Protein backbone atom coordinates (compact mmCIF):
# COMPACT_ATOMS: atom_id res chain seq x y z
CA MET A 1 155.37 13.89 41.94
CA THR A 2 152.73 14.51 44.63
CA ASP A 3 153.25 18.23 45.22
CA ASN A 4 151.01 20.49 43.24
CA PRO A 5 152.76 23.78 42.44
CA MET A 6 149.38 25.52 42.17
CA GLN A 7 148.32 24.37 45.63
CA THR A 8 147.82 27.29 48.00
CA HIS A 9 149.12 27.14 51.52
CA SER A 10 146.44 27.19 54.15
CA VAL A 11 146.37 29.48 57.15
CA PRO A 12 147.33 27.57 60.32
CA MET A 13 144.46 26.96 62.71
CA PHE A 14 146.45 28.79 65.42
CA TRP A 15 145.86 32.15 63.69
CA LEU A 16 142.15 31.49 63.31
CA VAL A 17 141.76 30.65 66.99
CA LEU A 18 143.87 33.65 68.03
CA ALA A 19 141.86 36.00 65.81
CA SER A 20 138.63 34.54 67.19
CA LEU A 21 139.76 35.13 70.76
CA LEU A 22 140.75 38.72 69.99
CA VAL A 23 137.45 39.40 68.23
CA GLY A 24 135.59 37.91 71.19
CA VAL A 25 137.50 40.10 73.64
CA LEU A 26 136.79 43.15 71.46
CA GLY A 27 133.11 42.26 71.45
CA LEU A 28 133.04 41.93 75.23
CA ALA A 29 134.93 45.21 75.60
CA GLY A 30 132.35 46.86 73.36
CA LEU A 31 129.68 46.09 75.94
CA VAL A 32 130.88 49.14 77.92
CA PHE A 33 129.07 51.30 75.32
CA TRP A 34 125.68 49.75 76.01
CA LEU A 35 124.83 51.54 79.27
CA PRO A 36 125.80 55.05 78.04
CA ALA A 37 124.09 54.33 74.71
CA GLY A 38 120.91 53.35 76.49
CA LEU A 39 121.01 56.51 78.57
CA ILE A 40 121.57 58.68 75.49
CA LEU A 41 118.78 56.97 73.54
CA VAL A 42 116.16 57.51 76.27
CA ASP A 43 117.19 61.14 76.86
CA PRO A 44 114.59 63.36 75.18
CA ASN A 45 117.09 66.24 74.91
CA ALA A 46 119.82 64.27 73.11
CA VAL A 47 120.76 65.54 69.68
CA ALA A 48 120.63 63.26 66.65
CA ALA A 49 124.44 63.06 66.39
CA ALA A 50 124.69 61.77 69.96
CA ARG A 51 122.05 59.14 69.26
CA ALA A 52 123.80 58.01 66.08
CA TYR A 53 127.14 57.79 67.88
CA ALA A 54 125.52 55.79 70.68
CA VAL A 55 124.02 53.29 68.25
CA TYR A 56 127.25 52.95 66.25
CA GLY A 57 129.38 52.60 69.38
CA SER A 58 127.15 49.96 70.90
CA ALA A 59 127.21 47.90 67.69
CA GLY A 60 130.69 46.51 68.50
CA PRO A 61 129.52 43.25 70.12
CA VAL A 62 127.08 42.65 67.26
CA VAL A 63 129.81 43.29 64.68
CA SER A 64 132.13 40.91 66.53
CA LEU A 65 129.49 38.19 66.63
CA ILE A 66 128.77 38.60 62.92
CA ALA A 67 132.51 38.45 62.16
CA LEU A 68 132.88 35.24 64.19
CA VAL A 69 129.92 33.59 62.49
CA ILE A 70 130.88 34.56 58.93
CA GLY A 71 134.57 33.80 59.56
CA TRP A 72 133.95 30.31 60.87
CA VAL A 73 131.34 29.55 58.21
CA ARG A 74 134.03 30.37 55.63
CA VAL A 75 136.50 28.13 57.48
CA ARG A 76 134.00 25.26 57.52
CA ALA A 77 133.44 25.83 53.79
CA GLY A 78 137.13 25.12 53.25
CA SER A 79 138.63 28.58 52.95
CA ARG A 80 140.68 29.36 56.02
CA SER A 81 142.22 32.48 54.52
CA ALA A 82 138.80 33.96 53.69
CA GLY A 83 137.64 33.10 57.21
CA LEU A 84 140.61 34.92 58.71
CA LYS A 85 139.96 37.95 56.51
CA TRP A 86 136.34 38.15 57.69
CA LEU A 87 137.42 37.73 61.31
CA ILE A 88 139.77 40.67 60.99
CA ALA A 89 137.99 42.98 58.53
CA LEU A 90 134.59 43.57 60.12
CA PRO A 91 135.78 44.50 63.65
CA LEU A 92 138.62 46.55 62.18
CA ILE A 93 136.22 48.57 60.01
CA TRP A 94 133.96 49.18 63.03
CA MET A 95 136.88 50.22 65.24
CA VAL A 96 138.40 52.57 62.65
CA GLY A 97 134.99 54.17 62.13
CA LEU A 98 134.46 54.66 65.86
CA LEU A 99 137.93 56.09 66.44
CA SER A 100 137.63 58.37 63.41
CA TRP A 101 134.28 59.66 64.59
CA SER A 102 135.65 60.26 68.10
CA TYR A 103 138.71 62.03 66.71
CA PHE A 104 136.55 64.25 64.50
CA LEU A 105 134.29 65.21 67.41
CA THR A 106 137.27 65.99 69.61
CA THR A 107 139.42 67.95 67.18
CA VAL A 108 137.03 69.62 64.75
CA CYS A 109 133.97 70.07 66.94
CA GLY A 110 135.79 70.68 70.22
CA GLY A 111 133.95 67.82 71.91
CA GLU A 112 130.51 69.24 71.10
CA TRP A 113 127.82 67.19 69.37
CA SER A 114 126.69 70.00 67.13
CA CYS A 115 129.53 71.60 65.28
CA GLN A 116 129.65 74.19 62.56
CA ILE A 117 132.37 73.42 60.05
């Protein structure tokens, strides 16, 4: 018998390529934060929260690049499923953090950078 019952099924290459394309598009879309982030960072009157948000928001392309590199290194090491997890996890964590921060600023702080809770 040639089938090994303990053999794990590998993730098809289609999903890895699709995830890579989506992560790349997310990284390119994250470039829209760079100009406002640069303007906030050079503004001497910007509060610390605005500067932190600018840095975190502009980190999207870097996070996407790191996810692509780590994901494909894992694929080349022979673990397609681990590669797919890295491709999905890092950009997802960044996006959830950015959306959560934006939601908090909008709802709790009323859109202001300095809020008293």
